[in-house]
Amino acid sequence: MSLLSPTLLARLERLQLTSRHRLAGRFGGEHRSTRYGNSIDFADFRQYHPGDDYRRIDYHVLARLDQVLIKLYEADDEVVTRVLIDTSGSMATGGKLELCKRLAAAVGFVALVNHDVVTLHTFPKTERPPRFVGKSASPMMFDALSRLEPGGVTPFAEATAHLLERPGPPGITVVFSDLLTTQWESLVRLRARGSDLVIIHVLAEVDMRPPLAGDLELQDREDLRTVLVSLTPDAIRSYEERGLRFRRDIAARCHSIGAAYVPVMAHDDPEDLLFHSWVASGVLR
């Protein structure tokens, strides 16, 4: 099954990932940079130096202040969009990984259309993350996403360290995960290199409200350990309350470091998320 329909791809071409912070890239792209360049957005003045483009001289300032100043403009830079997808065993529950693959395909396509580089990372980690450049690379990116399968544990700290070791400019890092691990806070380190960070927190209904009751033996989907539990009404109510606090804590932590936090349920409609919720929250524009 195709991850994204042709109709959806046509609509996505009108969108762009939002940079919450200034980013310095290397080539001409669509994001505001820490450098000055050739866009139409005025940034500052500086003294004229021999060899500067005389067309940038502000003649109004020259006439008024008798100073030869040139106008500086925002640079529009290419950035690297790093897509990090949780492919651990828990992502098999409730269609979480399938939704993540579709949303990641949309994010990657938007980045490629806007002349950004896209790299695809997973945890468990990808030793040689594939790199995609240009809209023509979209089919290869979709194919790589389609082949992702859930399995294994969630080594958040290891995956974060591996991504931070990769060379390249800061860029935008978009993480797709259910964050069902005690190591989830290690992801905040991804802001350390100056990257924009977007956390897409994907949960299934069963994660928040387990349809179980009574005395049970449960098996962990990642490390296969078993545990005996007694799910009384009070225990289920306590679990649901802890789940809500869990989401609030992650949202607060992301806000404290300037990262975007986007909660998503596995049954949500991808198009509604992309064109309504994500635009309204500033992830896309």
C-alpha atoms as a PDB file:
ATOM      1  CA  MET A   1       0.000   0.000   0.000  1.00  0.00           C
ATOM      2  CA  SER A   2       1.252   3.483  -0.898  1.00  0.00           C
ATOM      3  CA  LEU A   3       2.111   5.634   2.114  1.00  0.00           C
ATOM      4  CA  LEU A   4       0.744   8.841   0.548  1.00  0.00           C
ATOM      5  CA  SER A   5      -1.766   9.317  -2.259  1.00  0.00           C
ATOM      6  CA  PRO A   6      -0.956  11.520  -5.293  1.00  0.00           C
ATOM      7  CA  THR A   7      -3.701  13.924  -4.179  1.00  0.00           C
ATOM      8  CA  LEU A   8      -2.124  14.273  -0.739  1.00  0.00           C
ATOM      9  CA  LEU A   9       1.346  14.773  -2.238  1.00  0.00           C
ATOM     10  CA  ALA A  10       0.023  17.606  -4.400  1.00  0.00           C
ATOM     11  CA  ARG A  11      -1.400  19.331  -1.300  1.00  0.00           C
ATOM     12  CA  LEU A  12       1.830  18.805   0.654  1.00  0.00           C
ATOM     13  CA  GLU A  13       3.830  20.678  -1.984  1.00  0.00           C
ATOM     14  CA  ARG A  14       2.293  23.908  -0.672  1.00  0.00           C
ATOM     15  CA  LEU A  15       3.556  23.363   2.877  1.00  0.00           C
ATOM     16  CA  GLN A  16       6.883  23.987   4.608  1.00  0.00           C
ATOM     17  CA  LEU A  17       8.464  22.851   7.867  1.00  0.00           C
ATOM     18  CA  THR A  18       8.635  25.675  10.383  1.00  0.00           C
ATOM     19  CA  SER A  19      12.002  26.626  11.880  1.00  0.00           C
ATOM     20  CA  ARG A  20      11.557  27.708  15.495  1.00  0.00           C
ATOM     21  CA  HIS A  21      15.170  28.905  15.692  1.00  0.00           C
ATOM     22  CA  ARG A  22      17.636  30.417  13.226  1.00  0.00           C
ATOM     23  CA  LEU A  23      19.493  27.729  11.327  1.00  0.00           C
ATOM     24  CA  ALA A  24      22.755  27.966   9.394  1.00  0.00           C
ATOM     25  CA  GLY A  25      22.883  25.767   6.303  1.00  0.00           C
ATOM     26  CA  ARG A  26      25.274  25.606   3.436  1.00  0.00           C
ATOM     27  CA  PHE A  27      23.260  26.107   0.255  1.00  0.00           C
ATOM     28  CA  GLY A  28      20.256  28.061  -0.963  1.00  0.00           C
ATOM     29  CA  GLY A  29      17.042  26.741   0.544  1.00  0.00           C
ATOM     30  CA  GLU A  30      13.874  27.960   2.211  1.00  0.00           C
ATOM     31  CA  HIS A  31      14.792  28.536   5.892  1.00  0.00           C
ATOM     32  CA  ARG A  32      15.931  31.629   7.747  1.00  0.00           C
ATOM     33  CA  SER A  33      19.602  31.485   8.590  1.00  0.00           C
ATOM     34  CA  THR A  34      22.110  33.013  10.980  1.00  0.00           C
ATOM     35  CA  ARG A  35      23.946  34.265   7.881  1.00  0.00           C
ATOM     36  CA  TYR A  36      23.039  37.158   5.614  1.00  0.00           C
ATOM     37  CA  GLY A  37      22.071  36.545   2.015  1.00  0.00           C
ATOM     38  CA  ASN A  38      19.789  37.419  -0.857  1.00  0.00           C
ATOM     39  CA  SER A  39      16.237  37.081   0.423  1.00  0.00           C
ATOM     40  CA  ILE A  40      13.796  40.025   0.528  1.00  0.00           C
ATOM     41  CA  ASP A  41      13.675  40.199   4.352  1.00  0.00           C
ATOM     42  CA  PHE A  42      15.710  43.132   5.656  1.00  0.00           C
ATOM     43  CA  ALA A  43      18.042  42.281   8.552  1.00  0.00           C
ATOM     44  CA  ASP A  44      20.551  45.120   9.269  1.00  0.00           C
ATOM     45  CA  PHE A  45      22.958  47.765   7.941  1.00  0.00           C
ATOM     46  CA  ARG A  46      26.752  47.819   7.812  1.00  0.00           C
ATOM     47  CA  GLN A  47      29.453  50.110   6.424  1.00  0.00           C
ATOM     48  CA  TYR A  48      30.146  49.886   2.714  1.00  0.00           C
ATOM     49  CA  HIS A  49      33.438  48.196   1.782  1.00  0.00           C
ATOM     50  CA  PRO A  50      35.151  48.228  -1.637  1.00  0.00           C
ATOM     51  CA  GLY A  51      33.808  45.296  -3.646  1.00  0.00           C
ATOM     52  CA  ASP A  52      30.347  45.330  -2.044  1.00  0.00           C
ATOM     53  CA  ASP A  53      27.335  45.364  -4.354  1.00  0.00           C
ATOM     54  CA  TYR A  54      26.631  49.091  -4.878  1.00  0.00           C
ATOM     55  CA  ARG A  55      22.962  48.256  -5.508  1.00  0.00           C
ATOM     56  CA  ARG A  56      22.635  47.543  -1.790  1.00  0.00           C
ATOM     57  CA  ILE A  57      23.684  51.042  -0.777  1.00  0.00           C
ATOM     58  CA  ASP A  58      20.879  52.795   1.079  1.00  0.00           C
ATOM     59  CA  TYR A  59      20.804  56.184  -0.651  1.00  0.00           C
ATOM     60  CA  HIS A  60      18.176  57.537   1.731  1.00  0.00           C
ATOM     61  CA  VAL A  61      20.599  57.042   4.636  1.00  0.00           C
ATOM     62  CA  LEU A  62      23.430  58.505   2.529  1.00  0.00           C
ATOM     63  CA  ALA A  63      21.407  61.671   1.833  1.00  0.00           C
ATOM     64  CA  ARG A  64      20.201  62.030   5.420  1.00  0.00           C
ATOM     65  CA  LEU A  65      23.295  61.022   7.433  1.00  0.00           C
ATOM     66  CA  ASP A  66      26.101  61.291   4.876  1.00  0.00           C
ATOM     67  CA  GLN A  67      27.068  57.662   5.596  1.00  0.00           C
ATOM     68  CA  VAL A  68      27.575  54.963   2.994  1.00  0.00           C
ATOM     69  CA  LEU A  69      25.749  51.944   4.396  1.00  0.00           C
ATOM     70  CA  ILE A  70      24.572  48.795   2.649  1.00  0.00           C
ATOM     71  CA  LYS A  71      21.480  46.774   3.460  1.00  0.00           C
ATOM     72  CA  LEU A  72      21.826  43.216   4.755  1.00  0.00           C
ATOM     73  CA  TYR A  73      19.085  40.652   4.189  1.00  0.00           C
ATOM     74  CA  GLU A  74      18.164  37.319   5.725  1.00  0.00           C
ATOM     75  CA  ALA A  75      19.816  34.326   4.070  1.00  0.00           C
ATOM     76  CA  ASP A  76      17.549  31.512   2.927  1.00  0.00           C
ATOM     77  CA  ASP A  77      19.427  28.288   3.613  1.00  0.00           C
ATOM     78  CA  GLU A  78      19.079  24.596   2.985  1.00  0.00           C
ATOM     79  CA  VAL A  79      18.955  22.632   6.211  1.00  0.00           C
ATOM     80  CA  VAL A  80      19.118  18.949   7.018  1.00  0.00           C
ATOM     81  CA  THR A  81      15.855  17.424   8.210  1.00  0.00           C
ATOM     82  CA  ARG A  82      16.656  14.394  10.346  1.00  0.00           C
ATOM     83  CA  VAL A  83      13.736  11.997  10.728  1.00  0.00           C
ATOM     84  CA  LEU A  84      14.154   9.673  13.718  1.00  0.00           C
ATOM     85  CA  ILE A  85      11.604   6.848  13.989  1.00  0.00           C
ATOM     86  CA  ASP A  86      11.101   4.482  16.915  1.00  0.00           C
ATOM     87  CA  THR A  87      10.954   0.960  15.447  1.00  0.00           C
ATOM     88  CA  SER A  88      10.992  -0.890  18.771  1.00  0.00           C
ATOM     89  CA  GLY A  89       8.552  -3.679  19.594  1.00  0.00           C
ATOM     90  CA  SER A  90       6.008  -1.464  21.342  1.00  0.00           C
ATOM     91  CA  MET A  91       5.405   0.448  18.096  1.00  0.00           C
ATOM     92  CA  ALA A  92       3.601  -2.629  16.707  1.00  0.00           C
ATOM     93  CA  THR A  93       0.669  -1.921  19.030  1.00  0.00           C
ATOM     94  CA  GLY A  94      -2.450  -0.285  17.641  1.00  0.00           C
ATOM     95  CA  GLY A  95      -0.982   0.809  14.302  1.00  0.00           C
ATOM     96  CA  LYS A  96       1.489   3.285  15.794  1.00  0.00           C
ATOM     97  CA  LEU A  97       4.360   2.516  13.438  1.00  0.00           C
ATOM     98  CA  GLU A  98       2.105   2.599  10.372  1.00  0.00           C
ATOM     99  CA  LEU A  99       0.908   6.100  11.252  1.00  0.00           C
ATOM    100  CA  CYS A 100       4.492   7.179  11.972  1.00  0.00           C
ATOM    101  CA  LYS A 101       5.628   5.961   8.568  1.00  0.00           C
ATOM    102  CA  ARG A 102       2.913   7.975   6.820  1.00  0.00           C
ATOM    103  CA  LEU A 103       3.569  11.114   8.836  1.00  0.00           C
ATOM    104  CA  ALA A 104       7.341  10.752   8.378  1.00  0.00           C
ATOM    105  CA  ALA A 105       6.792  10.346   4.628  1.00  0.00           C
ATOM    106  CA  ALA A 106       4.810  13.593   4.618  1.00  0.00           C
ATOM    107  CA  VAL A 107       7.429  15.480   6.649  1.00  0.00           C
ATOM    108  CA  GLY A 108      10.247  14.157   4.475  1.00  0.00           C
ATOM    109  CA  PHE A 109       8.406  15.013   1.255  1.00  0.00           C
ATOM    110  CA  VAL A 110       7.743  18.576   2.426  1.00  0.00           C
ATOM    111  CA  ALA A 111      11.440  18.957   3.258  1.00  0.00           C
ATOM    112  CA  LEU A 112      12.597  17.567  -0.102  1.00  0.00           C
ATOM    113  CA  VAL A 113      10.201  19.798  -2.044  1.00  0.00           C
ATOM    114  CA  ASN A 114      11.644  22.783  -0.192  1.00  0.00           C
ATOM    115  CA  HIS A 115      15.206  21.836  -1.206  1.00  0.00           C
ATOM    116  CA  ASP A 116      16.290  20.435   2.153  1.00  0.00           C
ATOM    117  CA  VAL A 117      18.286  17.254   2.697  1.00  0.00           C
ATOM    118  CA  VAL A 118      16.501  14.424   4.534  1.00  0.00           C
ATOM    119  CA  THR A 119      18.247  11.707   6.527  1.00  0.00           C
ATOM    120  CA  LEU A 120      16.353   8.731   7.972  1.00  0.00           C
ATOM    121  CA  HIS A 121      17.296   7.307  11.376  1.00  0.00           C
ATOM    122  CA  THR A 122      15.706   4.594  13.501  1.00  0.00           C
ATOM    123  CA  PHE A 123      16.104   3.244  17.000  1.00  0.00           C
ATOM    124  CA  PRO A 124      17.347   0.637  17.304  1.00  0.00           C
ATOM    125  CA  LYS A 125      19.919   2.793  15.506  1.00  0.00           C
ATOM    126  CA  THR A 126      20.642   2.915  11.789  1.00  0.00           C
ATOM    127  CA  GLU A 127      24.372   2.394  11.198  1.00  0.00           C
ATOM    128  CA  ARG A 128      24.359   4.202   7.847  1.00  0.00           C
ATOM    129  CA  PRO A 129      21.304   6.461   7.717  1.00  0.00           C
ATOM    130  CA  PRO A 130      20.077   6.895   4.133  1.00  0.00           C
ATOM    131  CA  ARG A 131      20.315  10.430   2.755  1.00  0.00           C
ATOM    132  CA  PHE A 132      17.818  11.902   0.290  1.00  0.00           C
ATOM    133  CA  VAL A 133      18.183  15.085  -1.763  1.00  0.00           C
ATOM    134  CA  GLY A 134      15.582  16.651  -4.029  1.00  0.00           C
ATOM    135  CA  LYS A 135      11.966  15.866  -4.845  1.00  0.00           C
ATOM    136  CA  SER A 136      13.086  13.099  -7.228  1.00  0.00           C
ATOM    137  CA  ALA A 137      14.407  11.155  -4.206  1.00  0.00           C
ATOM    138  CA  SER A 138      10.897  10.897  -2.707  1.00  0.00           C
ATOM    139  CA  PRO A 139      10.133   7.394  -4.066  1.00  0.00           C
ATOM    140  CA  MET A 140      13.367   6.042  -2.553  1.00  0.00           C
ATOM    141  CA  MET A 141      12.526   7.651   0.796  1.00  0.00           C
ATOM    142  CA  PHE A 142       8.989   6.226   0.707  1.00  0.00           C
ATOM    143  CA  ASP A 143      10.402   2.784  -0.061  1.00  0.00           C
ATOM    144  CA  ALA A 144      12.850   2.984   2.868  1.00  0.00           C
ATOM    145  CA  LEU A 145      10.015   3.993   5.219  1.00  0.00           C
ATOM    146  CA  SER A 146       7.712   1.264   3.926  1.00  0.00           C
ATOM    147  CA  ARG A 147      10.273  -1.419   4.764  1.00  0.00           C
ATOM    148  CA  LEU A 148      10.559  -0.457   8.450  1.00  0.00           C
ATOM    149  CA  GLU A 149       9.368  -3.175  10.829  1.00  0.00           C
ATOM    150  CA  PRO A 150       8.908  -3.068  14.618  1.00  0.00           C
ATOM    151  CA  GLY A 151      11.041  -5.211  16.913  1.00  0.00           C
ATOM    152  CA  GLY A 152      13.455  -5.117  19.824  1.00  0.00           C
ATOM    153  CA  VAL A 153      13.912  -2.712  22.712  1.00  0.00           C
ATOM    154  CA  THR A 154      14.014   1.109  22.774  1.00  0.00           C
ATOM    155  CA  PRO A 155      17.633   2.273  23.245  1.00  0.00           C
ATOM    156  CA  PHE A 156      16.832   5.986  23.382  1.00  0.00           C
ATOM    157  CA  ALA A 157      20.136   7.115  24.862  1.00  0.00           C
ATOM    158  CA  GLU A 158      22.143   5.105  22.338  1.00  0.00           C
ATOM    159  CA  ALA A 159      20.071   6.338  19.388  1.00  0.00           C
ATOM    160  CA  THR A 160      20.385   9.949  20.531  1.00  0.00           C
ATOM    161  CA  ALA A 161      24.152   9.690  20.945  1.00  0.00           C
ATOM    162  CA  HIS A 162      24.479   8.025  17.537  1.00  0.00           C
ATOM    163  CA  LEU A 163      22.541  10.808  15.827  1.00  0.00           C
ATOM    164  CA  LEU A 164      24.514  13.538  17.591  1.00  0.00           C
ATOM    165  CA  GLU A 165      27.761  11.928  16.400  1.00  0.00           C
ATOM    166  CA  ARG A 166      26.713  12.335  12.775  1.00  0.00           C
ATOM    167  CA  PRO A 167      28.391  15.273  10.977  1.00  0.00           C
ATOM    168  CA  GLY A 168      26.464  18.134   9.457  1.00  0.00           C
ATOM    169  CA  PRO A 169      24.764  21.451  10.281  1.00  0.00           C
ATOM    170  CA  PRO A 170      22.141  21.762  13.053  1.00  0.00           C
ATOM    171  CA  GLY A 171      18.968  21.434  10.956  1.00  0.00           C
ATOM    172  CA  ILE A 172      15.604  20.114  12.102  1.00  0.00           C
ATOM    173  CA  THR A 173      15.177  16.825  13.964  1.00  0.00           C
ATOM    174  CA  VAL A 174      11.712  15.240  13.965  1.00  0.00           C
ATOM    175  CA  VAL A 175      11.251  12.292  16.343  1.00  0.00           C
ATOM    176  CA  PHE A 176       8.375   9.816  16.025  1.00  0.00           C
ATOM    177  CA  SER A 177       7.911   7.585  19.079  1.00  0.00           C
ATOM    178  CA  ASP A 178       5.523   6.352  21.751  1.00  0.00           C
ATOM    179  CA  LEU A 179       8.236   7.308  24.312  1.00  0.00           C
ATOM    180  CA  LEU A 180       7.379   4.228  26.376  1.00  0.00           C
ATOM    181  CA  THR A 181      10.731   3.990  28.121  1.00  0.00           C
ATOM    182  CA  THR A 182      12.419   5.527  31.133  1.00  0.00           C
ATOM    183  CA  GLN A 183      15.116   6.863  28.770  1.00  0.00           C
ATOM    184  CA  TRP A 184      12.801   9.221  26.874  1.00  0.00           C
ATOM    185  CA  GLU A 185      14.338  12.349  28.416  1.00  0.00           C
ATOM    186  CA  SER A 186      17.647  11.644  26.668  1.00  0.00           C
ATOM    187  CA  LEU A 187      15.981  12.925  23.503  1.00  0.00           C
ATOM    188  CA  VAL A 188      16.230  16.494  24.801  1.00  0.00           C
ATOM    189  CA  ARG A 189      19.965  16.244  24.079  1.00  0.00           C
ATOM    190  CA  LEU A 190      19.105  16.585  20.404  1.00  0.00           C
ATOM    191  CA  ARG A 191      18.753  20.331  21.021  1.00  0.00           C
ATOM    192  CA  ALA A 192      22.404  20.430  22.087  1.00  0.00           C
ATOM    193  CA  ARG A 193      23.727  20.968  18.565  1.00  0.00           C
ATOM    194  CA  GLY A 194      21.341  23.873  17.959  1.00  0.00           C
ATOM    195  CA  SER A 195      18.793  21.833  16.045  1.00  0.00           C
ATOM    196  CA  ASP A 196      15.114  22.558  15.947  1.00  0.00           C
ATOM    197  CA  LEU A 197      13.480  19.608  17.688  1.00  0.00           C
ATOM    198  CA  VAL A 198       9.959  18.313  17.111  1.00  0.00           C
ATOM    199  CA  ILE A 199       8.697  15.390  19.207  1.00  0.00           C
ATOM    200  CA  ILE A 200       5.759  13.547  17.640  1.00  0.00           C
ATOM    201  CA  HIS A 201       4.394  11.507  20.555  1.00  0.00           C
ATOM    202  CA  VAL A 202       2.303   8.681  19.089  1.00  0.00           C
ATOM    203  CA  LEU A 203       0.171   6.532  21.388  1.00  0.00           C
ATOM    204  CA  ALA A 204      -2.547   3.955  20.775  1.00  0.00           C
ATOM    205  CA  GLU A 205      -5.850   3.846  22.618  1.00  0.00           C
ATOM    206  CA  VAL A 206      -4.733   0.621  24.300  1.00  0.00           C
ATOM    207  CA  ASP A 207      -1.688   2.435  25.717  1.00  0.00           C
ATOM    208  CA  MET A 208      -3.892   4.936  27.538  1.00  0.00           C
ATOM    209  CA  ARG A 209      -6.907   2.758  28.376  1.00  0.00           C
ATOM    210  CA  PRO A 210      -6.036  -0.959  28.477  1.00  0.00           C
ATOM    211  CA  PRO A 211      -9.101  -3.136  27.731  1.00  0.00           C
ATOM    212  CA  LEU A 212      -8.081  -5.665  30.385  1.00  0.00           C
ATOM    213  CA  ALA A 213      -9.265  -6.698  33.823  1.00  0.00           C
ATOM    214  CA  GLY A 214      -8.591  -9.313  36.468  1.00  0.00           C
ATOM    215  CA  ASP A 215      -5.487 -11.314  37.350  1.00  0.00           C
ATOM    216  CA  LEU A 216      -3.227 -11.552  34.311  1.00  0.00           C
ATOM    217  CA  GLU A 217       0.246 -12.509  33.161  1.00  0.00           C
ATOM    218  CA  LEU A 218       1.485  -9.832  30.738  1.00  0.00           C
ATOM    219  CA  GLN A 219       4.493 -10.031  28.438  1.00  0.00           C
ATOM    220  CA  ASP A 220       6.626  -7.041  27.468  1.00  0.00           C
ATOM    221  CA  ARG A 221       6.575  -6.648  23.673  1.00  0.00           C
ATOM    222  CA  GLU A 222      10.211  -5.526  23.616  1.00  0.00           C
ATOM    223  CA  ASP A 223      12.280  -7.602  26.047  1.00  0.00           C
ATOM    224  CA  LEU A 224       9.683 -10.427  26.373  1.00  0.00           C
ATOM    225  CA  ARG A 225       9.733 -10.375  30.176  1.00  0.00           C
ATOM    226  CA  THR A 226       6.506 -11.449  31.887  1.00  0.00           C
ATOM    227  CA  VAL A 227       4.886  -9.908  34.922  1.00  0.00           C
ATOM    228  CA  LEU A 228       1.861 -10.862  37.027  1.00  0.00           C
ATOM    229  CA  VAL A 229      -0.662  -8.053  37.520  1.00  0.00           C
ATOM    230  CA  SER A 230      -4.058  -7.651  39.117  1.00  0.00           C
ATOM    231  CA  LEU A 231      -6.080  -5.089  37.145  1.00  0.00           C
ATOM    232  CA  THR A 232      -8.771  -3.922  39.514  1.00  0.00           C
ATOM    233  CA  PRO A 233     -10.907  -0.860  38.666  1.00  0.00           C
ATOM    234  CA  ASP A 234      -8.749   1.227  41.019  1.00  0.00           C
ATOM    235  CA  ALA A 235      -5.535  -0.044  39.382  1.00  0.00           C
ATOM    236  CA  ILE A 236      -6.837   0.796  35.897  1.00  0.00           C
ATOM    237  CA  ARG A 237      -7.932   4.267  37.035  1.00  0.00           C
ATOM    238  CA  SER A 238      -4.493   4.871  38.583  1.00  0.00           C
ATOM    239  CA  TYR A 239      -2.811   3.700  35.375  1.00  0.00           C
ATOM    240  CA  GLU A 240      -4.874   6.100  33.257  1.00  0.00           C
ATOM    241  CA  GLU A 241      -4.057   9.009  35.579  1.00  0.00           C
ATOM    242  CA  ARG A 242      -0.342   8.204  35.376  1.00  0.00           C
ATOM    243  CA  GLY A 243      -0.625   8.103  31.583  1.00  0.00           C
ATOM    244  CA  LEU A 244      -2.026  11.640  31.521  1.00  0.00           C
ATOM    245  CA  ARG A 245       0.741  12.872  33.855  1.00  0.00           C
ATOM    246  CA  PHE A 246       3.274  11.137  31.599  1.00  0.00           C
ATOM    247  CA  ARG A 247       2.124  13.175  28.598  1.00  0.00           C
ATOM    248  CA  ARG A 248       2.017  16.413  30.603  1.00  0.00           C
ATOM    249  CA  ASP A 249       5.545  15.847  31.921  1.00  0.00           C
ATOM    250  CA  ILE A 250       6.923  15.279  28.416  1.00  0.00           C
ATOM    251  CA  ALA A 251       5.111  18.350  27.081  1.00  0.00           C
ATOM    252  CA  ALA A 252       6.513  20.489  29.904  1.00  0.00           C
ATOM    253  CA  ARG A 253      10.054  19.182  29.358  1.00  0.00           C
ATOM    254  CA  CYS A 254       9.891  19.886  25.638  1.00  0.00           C
ATOM    255  CA  HIS A 255       8.552  23.389  26.268  1.00  0.00           C
ATOM    256  CA  SER A 256      11.392  24.081  28.729  1.00  0.00           C
ATOM    257  CA  ILE A 257      14.055  23.448  26.060  1.00  0.00           C
ATOM    258  CA  GLY A 258      12.255  25.141  23.176  1.00  0.00           C
ATOM    259  CA  ALA A 259      11.203  21.924  21.424  1.00  0.00           C
ATOM    260  CA  ALA A 260       7.805  21.364  19.846  1.00  0.00           C
ATOM    261  CA  TYR A 261       5.672  18.639  21.416  1.00  0.00           C
ATOM    262  CA  VAL A 262       2.916  17.141  19.251  1.00  0.00           C
ATOM    263  CA  PRO A 263       0.687  14.444  20.838  1.00  0.00           C
ATOM    264  CA  VAL A 264      -0.910  12.074  18.324  1.00  0.00           C
ATOM    265  CA  MET A 265      -3.181   9.057  18.638  1.00  0.00           C
ATOM    266  CA  ALA A 266      -2.643   6.105  16.291  1.00  0.00           C
ATOM    267  CA  HIS A 267      -6.249   6.289  15.049  1.00  0.00           C
ATOM    268  CA  ASP A 268      -5.952   9.985  14.051  1.00  0.00           C
ATOM    269  CA  ASP A 269      -6.454  10.876  10.394  1.00  0.00           C
ATOM    270  CA  PRO A 270      -3.057  11.843   8.857  1.00  0.00           C
ATOM    271  CA  GLU A 271      -4.492  14.501   6.542  1.00  0.00           C
ATOM    272  CA  ASP A 272      -6.394  16.173   9.366  1.00  0.00           C
ATOM    273  CA  LEU A 273      -3.231  16.194  11.469  1.00  0.00           C
ATOM    274  CA  LEU A 274      -1.036  17.627   8.714  1.00  0.00           C
ATOM    275  CA  PHE A 275      -3.328  20.347   7.390  1.00  0.00           C
ATOM    276  CA  HIS A 276      -5.143  21.371  10.544  1.00  0.00           C
ATOM    277  CA  SER A 277      -3.512  20.402  13.851  1.00  0.00           C
ATOM    278  CA  TRP A 278       0.099  20.706  12.696  1.00  0.00           C
ATOM    279  CA  VAL A 279      -0.442  23.957  10.829  1.00  0.00           C
ATOM    280  CA  ALA A 280      -2.306  25.410  13.823  1.00  0.00           C
ATOM    281  CA  SER A 281       0.493  24.337  16.199  1.00  0.00           C
ATOM    282  CA  GLY A 282       3.202  25.790  13.947  1.00  0.00           C
ATOM    283  CA  VAL A 283       4.943  22.562  12.938  1.00  0.00           C
ATOM    284  CA  LEU A 284       4.018  23.215   9.293  1.00  0.00           C
ATOM    285  CA  ARG A 285       3.097  26.395   7.474  1.00  0.00           C
END
